[in-house]
């Protein structure tokens, strides 16, 4: 029987964005520059690696996530290349694409704005 584990690490960052709605006469409710506190959870899924007794060294995962955090923290999300409109959904895709080459066991990316009681999760099928 193959046993699969799910392990995760989280990180937080602060960032600003503006969401202009071209279909709204004034640009919409979120058109002005505003910021959020984001919490990101990255989940890896797989068997324990031979000889390692873990899916991945969580210290190494944390170091990789710190690189991403440094790019996102205190940024203006509208200016991030390849993000597109800075929605929760697009942030999930952006983070996934950034991490997948170095983390092939990636299974899930969740982004949460806890103060707004909202979030988005992208999972491998």
PDB file of N, CA and C in Angstrom:
ATOM      1  N   UNK A   1       0.841  -1.176   0.000  1.00  0.00           N
ATOM      2  CA  UNK A   1       0.000   0.000   0.000  1.00  0.00           C
ATOM      3  C   UNK A   1       0.895   1.251   0.000  1.00  0.00           C
ATOM      4  N   UNK A   2       0.623   2.169  -0.920  1.00  0.00           N
ATOM      5  CA  UNK A   2       1.349   3.426  -0.971  1.00  0.00           C
ATOM      6  C   UNK A   2       0.657   4.431  -0.063  1.00  0.00           C
ATOM      7  N   UNK A   3       1.408   5.018   0.819  1.00  0.00           N
ATOM      8  CA  UNK A   3       0.881   6.020   1.735  1.00  0.00           C
ATOM      9  C   UNK A   3       1.328   7.397   1.251  1.00  0.00           C
ATOM     10  N   UNK A   4       0.377   8.307   1.114  1.00  0.00           N
ATOM     11  CA  UNK A   4       0.678   9.674   0.706  1.00  0.00           C
ATOM     12  C   UNK A   4       0.472  10.605   1.890  1.00  0.00           C
ATOM     13  N   UNK A   5       1.379  11.529   2.024  1.00  0.00           N
ATOM     14  CA  UNK A   5       1.297  12.531   3.079  1.00  0.00           C
ATOM     15  C   UNK A   5       1.078  13.898   2.445  1.00  0.00           C
ATOM     16  N   UNK A   6       0.473  14.780   3.205  1.00  0.00           N
ATOM     17  CA  UNK A   6       0.381  16.178   2.808  1.00  0.00           C
ATOM     18  C   UNK A   6       1.065  16.999   3.902  1.00  0.00           C
ATOM     19  N   UNK A   7       2.048  17.789   3.504  1.00  0.00           N
ATOM     20  CA  UNK A   7       2.748  18.676   4.427  1.00  0.00           C
ATOM     21  C   UNK A   7       2.637  20.089   3.871  1.00  0.00           C
ATOM     22  N   UNK A   8       2.656  21.074   4.753  1.00  0.00           N
ATOM     23  CA  UNK A   8       2.523  22.442   4.268  1.00  0.00           C
ATOM     24  C   UNK A   8       3.356  23.407   5.092  1.00  0.00           C
ATOM     25  N   UNK A   9       3.609  24.544   4.495  1.00  0.00           N
ATOM     26  CA  UNK A   9       4.213  25.695   5.159  1.00  0.00           C
ATOM     27  C   UNK A   9       3.380  26.900   4.765  1.00  0.00           C
ATOM     28  N   UNK A  10       3.358  27.869   5.647  1.00  0.00           N
ATOM     29  CA  UNK A  10       2.636  29.109   5.388  1.00  0.00           C
ATOM     30  C   UNK A  10       3.596  30.291   5.506  1.00  0.00           C
ATOM     31  N   UNK A  11       3.236  31.360   4.826  1.00  0.00           N
ATOM     32  CA  UNK A  11       3.930  32.629   4.999  1.00  0.00           C
ATOM     33  C   UNK A  11       2.924  33.752   4.808  1.00  0.00           C
ATOM     34  N   UNK A  12       3.262  34.909   5.307  1.00  0.00           N
ATOM     35  CA  UNK A  12       2.378  36.070   5.207  1.00  0.00           C
ATOM     36  C   UNK A  12       3.107  37.200   4.495  1.00  0.00           C
ATOM     37  N   UNK A  13       2.326  38.046   3.840  1.00  0.00           N
ATOM     38  CA  UNK A  13       2.903  39.236   3.229  1.00  0.00           C
ATOM     39  C   UNK A  13       1.838  40.324   3.170  1.00  0.00           C
ATOM     40  N   UNK A  14       2.312  41.542   3.056  1.00  0.00           N
ATOM     41  CA  UNK A  14       1.456  42.717   2.921  1.00  0.00           C
ATOM     42  C   UNK A  14       1.653  43.247   1.508  1.00  0.00           C
ATOM     43  N   UNK A  15       0.566  43.617   0.853  1.00  0.00           N
ATOM     44  CA  UNK A  15       0.695  44.148  -0.506  1.00  0.00           C
ATOM     45  C   UNK A  15      -0.506  45.024  -0.835  1.00  0.00           C
ATOM     46  N   UNK A  16      -0.324  45.854  -1.840  1.00  0.00           N
ATOM     47  CA  UNK A  16      -1.385  46.742  -2.316  1.00  0.00           C
ATOM     48  C   UNK A  16      -1.787  46.344  -3.724  1.00  0.00           C
ATOM     49  N   UNK A  17      -3.001  46.706  -4.082  1.00  0.00           N
ATOM     50  CA  UNK A  17      -3.470  46.510  -5.450  1.00  0.00           C
ATOM     51  C   UNK A  17      -4.646  47.442  -5.706  1.00  0.00           C
ATOM     52  N   UNK A  18      -5.052  47.508  -6.956  1.00  0.00           N
ATOM     53  CA  UNK A  18      -6.243  48.240  -7.373  1.00  0.00           C
ATOM     54  C   UNK A  18      -6.935  47.369  -8.417  1.00  0.00           C
ATOM     55  N   UNK A  19      -8.223  47.243  -8.297  1.00  0.00           N
ATOM     56  CA  UNK A  19      -8.989  46.399  -9.224  1.00  0.00           C
ATOM     57  C   UNK A  19      -9.990  47.277  -9.962  1.00  0.00           C
ATOM     58  N   UNK A  20      -9.619  47.684 -11.148  1.00  0.00           N
ATOM     59  CA  UNK A  20     -10.467  48.548 -11.963  1.00  0.00           C
ATOM     60  C   UNK A  20     -11.478  47.691 -12.722  1.00  0.00           C
ATOM     61  N   UNK A  21     -12.744  48.084 -12.661  1.00  0.00           N
ATOM     62  CA  UNK A  21     -13.821  47.374 -13.355  1.00  0.00           C
ATOM     63  C   UNK A  21     -14.248  48.211 -14.560  1.00  0.00           C
ATOM     64  N   UNK A  22     -13.856  47.816 -15.780  1.00  0.00           N
ATOM     65  CA  UNK A  22     -14.184  48.618 -16.955  1.00  0.00           C
ATOM     66  C   UNK A  22     -15.684  48.673 -17.259  1.00  0.00           C
ATOM     67  N   UNK A  23     -16.457  47.755 -16.692  1.00  0.00           N
ATOM     68  CA  UNK A  23     -17.899  47.743 -16.935  1.00  0.00           C
ATOM     69  C   UNK A  23     -18.668  48.647 -15.981  1.00  0.00           C
ATOM     70  N   UNK A  24     -17.996  49.228 -15.019  1.00  0.00           N
ATOM     71  CA  UNK A  24     -18.644  50.111 -14.041  1.00  0.00           C
ATOM     72  C   UNK A  24     -18.330  51.556 -14.412  1.00  0.00           C
ATOM     73  N   UNK A  25     -19.327  52.445 -14.364  1.00  0.00           N
ATOM     74  CA  UNK A  25     -19.092  53.829 -14.806  1.00  0.00           C
ATOM     75  C   UNK A  25     -17.992  54.560 -14.041  1.00  0.00           C
ATOM     76  N   UNK A  26     -17.780  54.228 -12.773  1.00  0.00           N
ATOM     77  CA  UNK A  26     -16.738  54.908 -11.990  1.00  0.00           C
ATOM     78  C   UNK A  26     -15.499  54.038 -11.795  1.00  0.00           C
ATOM     79  N   UNK A  27     -15.479  52.843 -12.388  1.00  0.00           N
ATOM     80  CA  UNK A  27     -14.344  51.943 -12.215  1.00  0.00           C
ATOM     81  C   UNK A  27     -14.555  50.913 -11.132  1.00  0.00           C
ATOM     82  N   UNK A  28     -15.655  51.016 -10.409  1.00  0.00           N
ATOM     83  CA  UNK A  28     -15.987  50.009  -9.407  1.00  0.00           C
ATOM     84  C   UNK A  28     -15.509  50.341  -8.008  1.00  0.00           C
ATOM     85  N   UNK A  29     -15.998  49.561  -7.075  1.00  0.00           N
ATOM     86  CA  UNK A  29     -15.744  49.760  -5.654  1.00  0.00           C
ATOM     87  C   UNK A  29     -14.266  49.626  -5.281  1.00  0.00           C
ATOM     88  N   UNK A  30     -13.517  48.790  -5.987  1.00  0.00           N
ATOM     89  CA  UNK A  30     -12.135  48.480  -5.613  1.00  0.00           C
ATOM     90  C   UNK A  30     -11.106  49.170  -6.506  1.00  0.00           C
ATOM     91  N   UNK A  31     -11.515  50.220  -7.226  1.00  0.00           N
ATOM     92  CA  UNK A  31     -10.653  50.884  -8.192  1.00  0.00           C
ATOM     93  C   UNK A  31      -9.490  51.639  -7.549  1.00  0.00           C
ATOM     94  N   UNK A  32      -9.671  52.114  -6.337  1.00  0.00           N
ATOM     95  CA  UNK A  32      -8.622  52.879  -5.661  1.00  0.00           C
ATOM     96  C   UNK A  32      -7.573  51.948  -5.066  1.00  0.00           C
ATOM     97  N   UNK A  33      -6.363  52.471  -4.984  1.00  0.00           N
ATOM     98  CA  UNK A  33      -5.275  51.732  -4.370  1.00  0.00           C
ATOM     99  C   UNK A  33      -5.637  51.381  -2.927  1.00  0.00           C
ATOM    100  N   UNK A  34      -5.475  50.105  -2.581  1.00  0.00           N
ATOM    101  CA  UNK A  34      -5.740  49.641  -1.214  1.00  0.00           C
ATOM    102  C   UNK A  34      -4.881  48.409  -0.953  1.00  0.00           C
ATOM    103  N   UNK A  35      -4.730  48.063   0.313  1.00  0.00           N
ATOM    104  CA  UNK A  35      -3.850  46.961   0.658  1.00  0.00           C
ATOM    105  C   UNK A  35      -4.510  45.900   1.506  1.00  0.00           C
ATOM    106  N   UNK A  36      -3.851  44.758   1.590  1.00  0.00           N
ATOM    107  CA  UNK A  36      -4.332  43.619   2.368  1.00  0.00           C
ATOM    108  C   UNK A  36      -3.164  42.928   3.045  1.00  0.00           C
ATOM    109  N   UNK A  37      -3.482  42.193   4.088  1.00  0.00           N
ATOM    110  CA  UNK A  37      -2.572  41.221   4.682  1.00  0.00           C
ATOM    111  C   UNK A  37      -2.955  39.868   4.091  1.00  0.00           C
ATOM    112  N   UNK A  38      -2.010  39.206   3.476  1.00  0.00           N
ATOM    113  CA  UNK A  38      -2.250  37.915   2.836  1.00  0.00           C
ATOM    114  C   UNK A  38      -1.538  36.817   3.625  1.00  0.00           C
ATOM    115  N   UNK A  39      -2.187  35.657   3.701  1.00  0.00           N
ATOM    116  CA  UNK A  39      -1.574  34.454   4.256  1.00  0.00           C
ATOM    117  C   UNK A  39      -1.601  33.410   3.157  1.00  0.00           C
ATOM    118  N   UNK A  40      -0.461  32.797   2.901  1.00  0.00           N
ATOM    119  CA  UNK A  40      -0.339  31.807   1.828  1.00  0.00           C
ATOM    120  C   UNK A  40       0.022  30.467   2.447  1.00  0.00           C
ATOM    121  N   UNK A  41      -0.673  29.434   2.022  1.00  0.00           N
ATOM    122  CA  UNK A  41      -0.347  28.061   2.434  1.00  0.00           C
ATOM    123  C   UNK A  41       0.000  27.260   1.183  1.00  0.00           C
ATOM    124  N   UNK A  42       1.184  26.637   1.208  1.00  0.00           N
ATOM    125  CA  UNK A  42       1.626  25.783   0.109  1.00  0.00           C
ATOM    126  C   UNK A  42       1.700  24.358   0.642  1.00  0.00           C
ATOM    127  N   UNK A  43       0.944  23.471   0.003  1.00  0.00           N
ATOM    128  CA  UNK A  43       0.867  22.074   0.428  1.00  0.00           C
ATOM    129  C   UNK A  43       1.549  21.184  -0.599  1.00  0.00           C
ATOM    130  N   UNK A  44       2.395  20.298  -0.102  1.00  0.00           N
ATOM    131  CA  UNK A  44       3.027  19.276  -0.930  1.00  0.00           C
ATOM    132  C   UNK A  44       2.377  17.941  -0.609  1.00  0.00           C
ATOM    133  N   UNK A  45       2.288  17.076  -1.610  1.00  0.00           N
ATOM    134  CA  UNK A  45       1.666  15.767  -1.407  1.00  0.00           C
ATOM    135  C   UNK A  45       2.543  14.701  -2.032  1.00  0.00           C
ATOM    136  N   UNK A  46       2.761  13.633  -1.277  1.00  0.00           N
ATOM    137  CA  UNK A  46       3.536  12.538  -1.833  1.00  0.00           C
ATOM    138  C   UNK A  46       3.937  11.551  -0.763  1.00  0.00           C
ATOM    139  N   UNK A  47       4.649  10.511  -1.177  1.00  0.00           N
ATOM    140  CA  UNK A  47       5.178   9.542  -0.215  1.00  0.00           C
ATOM    141  C   UNK A  47       6.427  10.111   0.440  1.00  0.00           C
ATOM    142  N   UNK A  48       6.828   9.506   1.541  1.00  0.00           N
ATOM    143  CA  UNK A  48       8.118   9.871   2.124  1.00  0.00           C
ATOM    144  C   UNK A  48       9.198   9.482   1.129  1.00  0.00           C
ATOM    145  N   UNK A  49      10.195  10.335   0.986  1.00  0.00           N
ATOM    146  CA  UNK A  49      11.286  10.070   0.058  1.00  0.00           C
ATOM    147  C   UNK A  49      12.220   9.019   0.655  1.00  0.00           C
ATOM    148  N   UNK A  50      12.695   8.130  -0.186  1.00  0.00           N
ATOM    149  CA  UNK A  50      13.574   7.039   0.261  1.00  0.00           C
ATOM    150  C   UNK A  50      14.718   7.576   1.105  1.00  0.00           C
ATOM    151  N   UNK A  51      14.855   7.041   2.295  1.00  0.00           N
ATOM    152  CA  UNK A  51      15.937   7.405   3.178  1.00  0.00           C
ATOM    153  C   UNK A  51      15.753   8.709   3.936  1.00  0.00           C
ATOM    154  N   UNK A  52      14.806   9.524   3.534  1.00  0.00           N
ATOM    155  CA  UNK A  52      14.628  10.830   4.177  1.00  0.00           C
ATOM    156  C   UNK A  52      13.545  10.821   5.253  1.00  0.00           C
ATOM    157  N   UNK A  53      12.596   9.906   5.137  1.00  0.00           N
ATOM    158  CA  UNK A  53      11.486   9.805   6.090  1.00  0.00           C
ATOM    159  C   UNK A  53      10.566  11.018   6.068  1.00  0.00           C
ATOM    160  N   UNK A  54      10.600  11.805   4.992  1.00  0.00           N
ATOM    161  CA  UNK A  54       9.677  12.932   4.860  1.00  0.00           C
ATOM    162  C   UNK A  54       9.407  13.205   3.386  1.00  0.00           C
ATOM    163  N   UNK A  55       8.334  13.909   3.129  1.00  0.00           N
ATOM    164  CA  UNK A  55       7.997  14.290   1.760  1.00  0.00           C
ATOM    165  C   UNK A  55       9.031  15.292   1.259  1.00  0.00           C
ATOM    166  N   UNK A  56       9.361  16.264   2.113  1.00  0.00           N
ATOM    167  CA  UNK A  56      10.395  17.252   1.815  1.00  0.00           C
ATOM    168  C   UNK A  56      10.855  17.864   3.125  1.00  0.00           C
ATOM    169  N   UNK A  57      12.099  18.228   3.185  1.00  0.00           N
ATOM    170  CA  UNK A  57      12.635  18.952   4.328  1.00  0.00           C
ATOM    171  C   UNK A  57      11.893  20.288   4.423  1.00  0.00           C
ATOM    172  N   UNK A  58      11.141  20.496   5.498  1.00  0.00           N
ATOM    173  CA  UNK A  58      10.343  21.712   5.634  1.00  0.00           C
ATOM    174  C   UNK A  58      11.212  22.958   5.778  1.00  0.00           C
ATOM    175  N   UNK A  59      12.440  22.808   6.216  1.00  0.00           N
ATOM    176  CA  UNK A  59      13.363  23.940   6.240  1.00  0.00           C
ATOM    177  C   UNK A  59      13.702  24.411   4.836  1.00  0.00           C
ATOM    178  N   UNK A  60      13.924  23.461   3.932  1.00  0.00           N
ATOM    179  CA  UNK A  60      14.193  23.810   2.535  1.00  0.00           C
ATOM    180  C   UNK A  60      12.958  24.429   1.881  1.00  0.00           C
ATOM    181  N   UNK A  61      11.784  23.888   2.210  1.00  0.00           N
ATOM    182  CA  UNK A  61      10.552  24.476   1.688  1.00  0.00           C
ATOM    183  C   UNK A  61      10.411  25.914   2.191  1.00  0.00           C
ATOM    184  N   UNK A  62      10.669  26.121   3.467  1.00  0.00           N
ATOM    185  CA  UNK A  62      10.579  27.463   4.036  1.00  0.00           C
ATOM    186  C   UNK A  62      11.529  28.441   3.375  1.00  0.00           C
ATOM    187  N   UNK A  63      12.744  27.991   3.066  1.00  0.00           N
ATOM    188  CA  UNK A  63      13.717  28.854   2.398  1.00  0.00           C
ATOM    189  C   UNK A  63      13.234  29.243   1.005  1.00  0.00           C
ATOM    190  N   UNK A  64      12.637  28.289   0.290  1.00  0.00           N
ATOM    191  CA  UNK A  64      12.119  28.579  -1.059  1.00  0.00           C
ATOM    192  C   UNK A  64      10.963  29.561  -0.974  1.00  0.00           C
ATOM    193  N   UNK A  65      10.086  29.365   0.009  1.00  0.00           N
ATOM    194  CA  UNK A  65       8.938  30.269   0.158  1.00  0.00           C
ATOM    195  C   UNK A  65       9.386  31.665   0.571  1.00  0.00           C
ATOM    196  N   UNK A  66      10.475  31.759   1.319  1.00  0.00           N
ATOM    197  CA  UNK A  66      10.989  33.068   1.723  1.00  0.00           C
ATOM    198  C   UNK A  66      11.415  33.887   0.506  1.00  0.00           C
ATOM    199  N   UNK A  67      11.972  33.235  -0.498  1.00  0.00           N
ATOM    200  CA  UNK A  67      12.340  33.935  -1.736  1.00  0.00           C
ATOM    201  C   UNK A  67      11.112  34.569  -2.383  1.00  0.00           C
ATOM    202  N   UNK A  68      10.026  33.808  -2.429  1.00  0.00           N
ATOM    203  CA  UNK A  68       8.781  34.308  -3.005  1.00  0.00           C
ATOM    204  C   UNK A  68       8.190  35.413  -2.135  1.00  0.00           C
ATOM    205  N   UNK A  69       8.217  35.217  -0.832  1.00  0.00           N
ATOM    206  CA  UNK A  69       7.687  36.222   0.088  1.00  0.00           C
ATOM    207  C   UNK A  69       8.387  37.562  -0.096  1.00  0.00           C
ATOM    208  N   UNK A  70       9.708  37.523  -0.231  1.00  0.00           N
ATOM    209  CA  UNK A  70      10.467  38.763  -0.395  1.00  0.00           C
ATOM    210  C   UNK A  70      10.050  39.521  -1.649  1.00  0.00           C
ATOM    211  N   UNK A  71       9.672  38.809  -2.686  1.00  0.00           N
ATOM    212  CA  UNK A  71       9.214  39.450  -3.926  1.00  0.00           C
ATOM    213  C   UNK A  71       7.819  40.056  -3.756  1.00  0.00           C
ATOM    214  N   UNK A  72       6.962  39.399  -2.969  1.00  0.00           N
ATOM    215  CA  UNK A  72       5.577  39.848  -2.827  1.00  0.00           C
ATOM    216  C   UNK A  72       5.379  40.888  -1.732  1.00  0.00           C
ATOM    217  N   UNK A  73       6.142  40.800  -0.661  1.00  0.00           N
ATOM    218  CA  UNK A  73       5.900  41.637   0.509  1.00  0.00           C
ATOM    219  C   UNK A  73       6.131  43.119   0.193  1.00  0.00           C
ATOM    220  N   UNK A  74       5.157  43.929   0.583  1.00  0.00           N
ATOM    221  CA  UNK A  74       5.164  45.379   0.374  1.00  0.00           C
ATOM    222  C   UNK A  74       5.330  45.744  -1.097  1.00  0.00           C
ATOM    223  N   UNK A  75       4.691  44.965  -1.946  1.00  0.00           N
ATOM    224  CA  UNK A  75       4.713  45.244  -3.377  1.00  0.00           C
ATOM    225  C   UNK A  75       3.375  45.843  -3.809  1.00  0.00           C
ATOM    226  N   UNK A  76       3.380  46.389  -5.019  1.00  0.00           N
ATOM    227  CA  UNK A  76       2.148  46.809  -5.691  1.00  0.00           C
ATOM    228  C   UNK A  76       1.843  45.702  -6.689  1.00  0.00           C
ATOM    229  N   UNK A  77       0.871  44.861  -6.367  1.00  0.00           N
ATOM    230  CA  UNK A  77       0.621  43.643  -7.139  1.00  0.00           C
ATOM    231  C   UNK A  77       0.324  43.922  -8.607  1.00  0.00           C
ATOM    232  N   UNK A  78      -0.261  45.071  -8.918  1.00  0.00           N
ATOM    233  CA  UNK A  78      -0.568  45.403 -10.314  1.00  0.00           C
ATOM    234  C   UNK A  78       0.697  45.472 -11.175  1.00  0.00           C
ATOM    235  N   UNK A  79       1.851  45.669 -10.546  1.00  0.00           N
ATOM    236  CA  UNK A  79       3.102  45.798 -11.294  1.00  0.00           C
ATOM    237  C   UNK A  79       3.867  44.488 -11.437  1.00  0.00           C
ATOM    238  N   UNK A  80       3.364  43.400 -10.872  1.00  0.00           N
ATOM    239  CA  UNK A  80       4.056  42.114 -10.999  1.00  0.00           C
ATOM    240  C   UNK A  80       3.874  41.555 -12.404  1.00  0.00           C
ATOM    241  N   UNK A  81       5.003  41.301 -13.063  1.00  0.00           N
ATOM    242  CA  UNK A  81       4.957  40.734 -14.398  1.00  0.00           C
ATOM    243  C   UNK A  81       4.339  39.336 -14.343  1.00  0.00           C
ATOM    244  N   UNK A  82       3.492  39.018 -15.274  1.00  0.00           N
ATOM    245  CA  UNK A  82       2.844  37.710 -15.418  1.00  0.00           C
ATOM    246  C   UNK A  82       1.710  37.452 -14.428  1.00  0.00           C
ATOM    247  N   UNK A  83       1.350  38.433 -13.603  1.00  0.00           N
ATOM    248  CA  UNK A  83       0.232  38.215 -12.679  1.00  0.00           C
ATOM    249  C   UNK A  83      -1.107  38.503 -13.339  1.00  0.00           C
ATOM    250  N   UNK A  84      -1.184  39.532 -14.150  1.00  0.00           N
ATOM    251  CA  UNK A  84      -2.463  39.954 -14.695  1.00  0.00           C
ATOM    252  C   UNK A  84      -3.232  40.724 -13.641  1.00  0.00           C
ATOM    253  N   UNK A  85      -4.546  40.728 -13.741  1.00  0.00           N
ATOM    254  CA  UNK A  85      -5.389  41.411 -12.754  1.00  0.00           C
ATOM    255  C   UNK A  85      -5.141  40.766 -11.390  1.00  0.00           C
ATOM    256  N   UNK A  86      -4.815  41.549 -10.369  1.00  0.00           N
ATOM    257  CA  UNK A  86      -4.377  40.974  -9.084  1.00  0.00           C
ATOM    258  C   UNK A  86      -5.527  40.463  -8.211  1.00  0.00           C
ATOM    259  N   UNK A  87      -6.189  39.428  -8.700  1.00  0.00           N
ATOM    260  CA  UNK A  87      -7.253  38.771  -7.950  1.00  0.00           C
ATOM    261  C   UNK A  87      -6.657  37.627  -7.135  1.00  0.00           C
ATOM    262  N   UNK A  88      -7.422  37.107  -6.197  1.00  0.00           N
ATOM    263  CA  UNK A  88      -6.973  35.939  -5.431  1.00  0.00           C
ATOM    264  C   UNK A  88      -6.691  34.759  -6.358  1.00  0.00           C
ATOM    265  N   UNK A  89      -7.557  34.564  -7.340  1.00  0.00           N
ATOM    266  CA  UNK A  89      -7.385  33.450  -8.266  1.00  0.00           C
ATOM    267  C   UNK A  89      -6.077  33.581  -9.039  1.00  0.00           C
ATOM    268  N   UNK A  90      -5.803  34.785  -9.553  1.00  0.00           N
ATOM    269  CA  UNK A  90      -4.566  34.981 -10.312  1.00  0.00           C
ATOM    270  C   UNK A  90      -3.337  34.887  -9.423  1.00  0.00           C
ATOM    271  N   UNK A  91      -3.449  35.298  -8.171  1.00  0.00           N
ATOM    272  CA  UNK A  91      -2.331  35.133  -7.237  1.00  0.00           C
ATOM    273  C   UNK A  91      -2.024  33.655  -7.008  1.00  0.00           C
ATOM    274  N   UNK A  92      -3.062  32.831  -6.876  1.00  0.00           N
ATOM    275  CA  UNK A  92      -2.847  31.387  -6.724  1.00  0.00           C
ATOM    276  C   UNK A  92      -2.082  30.826  -7.918  1.00  0.00           C
ATOM    277  N   UNK A  93      -2.503  31.191  -9.120  1.00  0.00           N
ATOM    278  CA  UNK A  93      -1.846  30.695 -10.331  1.00  0.00           C
ATOM    279  C   UNK A  93      -0.411  31.205 -10.400  1.00  0.00           C
ATOM    280  N   UNK A  94      -0.206  32.471 -10.091  1.00  0.00           N
ATOM    281  CA  UNK A  94       1.128  33.080 -10.114  1.00  0.00           C
ATOM    282  C   UNK A  94       2.076  32.344  -9.171  1.00  0.00           C
ATOM    283  N   UNK A  95       1.629  32.090  -7.955  1.00  0.00           N
ATOM    284  CA  UNK A  95       2.457  31.404  -6.966  1.00  0.00           C
ATOM    285  C   UNK A  95       2.730  29.961  -7.404  1.00  0.00           C
ATOM    286  N   UNK A  96       1.691  29.286  -7.894  1.00  0.00           N
ATOM    287  CA  UNK A  96       1.851  27.906  -8.353  1.00  0.00           C
ATOM    288  C   UNK A  96       2.917  27.828  -9.449  1.00  0.00           C
ATOM    289  N   UNK A  97       2.794  28.681 -10.463  1.00  0.00           N
ATOM    290  CA  UNK A  97       3.740  28.652 -11.580  1.00  0.00           C
ATOM    291  C   UNK A  97       5.166  28.972 -11.129  1.00  0.00           C
ATOM    292  N   UNK A  98       5.291  29.843 -10.145  1.00  0.00           N
ATOM    293  CA  UNK A  98       6.612  30.193  -9.634  1.00  0.00           C
ATOM    294  C   UNK A  98       7.253  29.008  -8.906  1.00  0.00           C
ATOM    295  N   UNK A  99       6.452  28.277  -8.141  1.00  0.00           N
ATOM    296  CA  UNK A  99       6.990  27.217  -7.284  1.00  0.00           C
ATOM    297  C   UNK A  99       7.101  25.853  -7.963  1.00  0.00           C
ATOM    298  N   UNK A 100       6.245  25.567  -8.911  1.00  0.00           N
ATOM    299  CA  UNK A 100       6.168  24.217  -9.473  1.00  0.00           C
ATOM    300  C   UNK A 100       7.493  23.681 -10.030  1.00  0.00           C
ATOM    301  N   UNK A 101       8.305  24.478 -10.724  1.00  0.00           N
ATOM    302  CA  UNK A 101       9.559  23.907 -11.232  1.00  0.00           C
ATOM    303  C   UNK A 101      10.489  23.389 -10.131  1.00  0.00           C
ATOM    304  N   UNK A 102      10.491  24.028  -8.976  1.00  0.00           N
ATOM    305  CA  UNK A 102      11.380  23.578  -7.897  1.00  0.00           C
ATOM    306  C   UNK A 102      10.669  22.700  -6.869  1.00  0.00           C
ATOM    307  N   UNK A 103       9.353  22.615  -6.943  1.00  0.00           N
ATOM    308  CA  UNK A 103       8.571  21.805  -5.994  1.00  0.00           C
ATOM    309  C   UNK A 103       7.589  20.918  -6.753  1.00  0.00           C
ATOM    310  N   UNK A 104       8.072  19.858  -7.395  1.00  0.00           N
ATOM    311  CA  UNK A 104       7.173  19.022  -8.193  1.00  0.00           C
ATOM    312  C   UNK A 104       6.080  18.332  -7.385  1.00  0.00           C
ATOM    313  N   UNK A 105       6.219  18.235  -6.070  1.00  0.00           N
ATOM    314  CA  UNK A 105       5.188  17.606  -5.241  1.00  0.00           C
ATOM    315  C   UNK A 105       4.099  18.594  -4.832  1.00  0.00           C
ATOM    316  N   UNK A 106       4.121  19.820  -5.392  1.00  0.00           N
ATOM    317  CA  UNK A 106       3.103  20.811  -5.019  1.00  0.00           C
ATOM    318  C   UNK A 106       1.718  20.253  -5.324  1.00  0.00           C
ATOM    319  N   UNK A 107       0.824  20.409  -4.373  1.00  0.00           N
ATOM    320  CA  UNK A 107      -0.532  19.874  -4.503  1.00  0.00           C
ATOM    321  C   UNK A 107      -1.590  20.961  -4.356  1.00  0.00           C
ATOM    322  N   UNK A 108      -1.261  22.012  -3.591  1.00  0.00           N
ATOM    323  CA  UNK A 108      -2.279  23.016  -3.301  1.00  0.00           C
ATOM    324  C   UNK A 108      -1.614  24.342  -2.941  1.00  0.00           C
ATOM    325  N   UNK A 109      -2.212  25.416  -3.413  1.00  0.00           N
ATOM    326  CA  UNK A 109      -1.833  26.765  -3.004  1.00  0.00           C
ATOM    327  C   UNK A 109      -3.101  27.454  -2.530  1.00  0.00           C
ATOM    328  N   UNK A 110      -3.067  27.932  -1.303  1.00  0.00           N
ATOM    329  CA  UNK A 110      -4.195  28.685  -0.760  1.00  0.00           C
ATOM    330  C   UNK A 110      -3.745  30.087  -0.392  1.00  0.00           C
ATOM    331  N   UNK A 111      -4.576  31.068  -0.720  1.00  0.00           N
ATOM    332  CA  UNK A 111      -4.305  32.458  -0.358  1.00  0.00           C
ATOM    333  C   UNK A 111      -5.503  32.952   0.431  1.00  0.00           C
ATOM    334  N   UNK A 112      -5.221  33.522   1.587  1.00  0.00           N
ATOM    335  CA  UNK A 112      -6.285  33.930   2.499  1.00  0.00           C
ATOM    336  C   UNK A 112      -6.097  35.379   2.929  1.00  0.00           C
ATOM    337  N   UNK A 113      -7.201  36.111   2.949  1.00  0.00           N
ATOM    338  CA  UNK A 113      -7.232  37.446   3.538  1.00  0.00           C
ATOM    339  C   UNK A 113      -8.099  37.302   4.783  1.00  0.00           C
ATOM    340  N   UNK A 114      -7.448  36.934   5.866  1.00  0.00           N
ATOM    341  CA  UNK A 114      -8.165  36.588   7.093  1.00  0.00           C
ATOM    342  C   UNK A 114      -9.004  37.735   7.630  1.00  0.00           C
ATOM    343  N   UNK A 115      -8.541  38.975   7.498  1.00  0.00           N
ATOM    344  CA  UNK A 115      -9.312  40.107   8.020  1.00  0.00           C
ATOM    345  C   UNK A 115     -10.586  40.332   7.222  1.00  0.00           C
ATOM    346  N   UNK A 116     -10.641  39.804   6.012  1.00  0.00           N
ATOM    347  CA  UNK A 116     -11.843  39.918   5.167  1.00  0.00           C
ATOM    348  C   UNK A 116     -12.671  38.634   5.184  1.00  0.00           C
ATOM    349  N   UNK A 117     -12.161  37.602   5.860  1.00  0.00           N
ATOM    350  CA  UNK A 117     -12.822  36.294   5.887  1.00  0.00           C
ATOM    351  C   UNK A 117     -13.034  35.727   4.489  1.00  0.00           C
ATOM    352  N   UNK A 118     -11.967  35.787   3.682  1.00  0.00           N
ATOM    353  CA  UNK A 118     -12.077  35.281   2.313  1.00  0.00           C
ATOM    354  C   UNK A 118     -10.744  34.690   1.874  1.00  0.00           C
ATOM    355  N   UNK A 119     -10.826  33.887   0.831  1.00  0.00           N
ATOM    356  CA  UNK A 119      -9.621  33.263   0.323  1.00  0.00           C
ATOM    357  C   UNK A 119      -9.909  32.490  -0.940  1.00  0.00           C
ATOM    358  N   UNK A 120      -8.875  31.852  -1.456  1.00  0.00           N
ATOM    359  CA  UNK A 120      -8.978  31.065  -2.670  1.00  0.00           C
ATOM    360  C   UNK A 120      -7.982  29.917  -2.567  1.00  0.00           C
ATOM    361  N   UNK A 121      -8.354  28.750  -3.059  1.00  0.00           N
ATOM    362  CA  UNK A 121      -7.482  27.577  -3.036  1.00  0.00           C
ATOM    363  C   UNK A 121      -7.423  26.992  -4.441  1.00  0.00           C
ATOM    364  N   UNK A 122      -6.213  26.723  -4.900  1.00  0.00           N
ATOM    365  CA  UNK A 122      -5.970  26.050  -6.173  1.00  0.00           C
ATOM    366  C   UNK A 122      -5.375  24.688  -5.854  1.00  0.00           C
ATOM    367  N   UNK A 123      -6.002  23.615  -6.374  1.00  0.00           N
ATOM    368  CA  UNK A 123      -5.544  22.259  -6.089  1.00  0.00           C
ATOM    369  C   UNK A 123      -5.284  21.502  -7.385  1.00  0.00           C
ATOM    370  N   UNK A 124      -4.343  20.570  -7.297  1.00  0.00           N
ATOM    371  CA  UNK A 124      -4.148  19.623  -8.377  1.00  0.00           C
ATOM    372  C   UNK A 124      -5.348  18.689  -8.386  1.00  0.00           C
ATOM    373  N   UNK A 125      -5.850  18.366  -9.564  1.00  0.00           N
ATOM    374  CA  UNK A 125      -6.991  17.421  -9.591  1.00  0.00           C
ATOM    375  C   UNK A 125      -6.602  16.029  -9.132  1.00  0.00           C
TER     376      UNK A 125
END
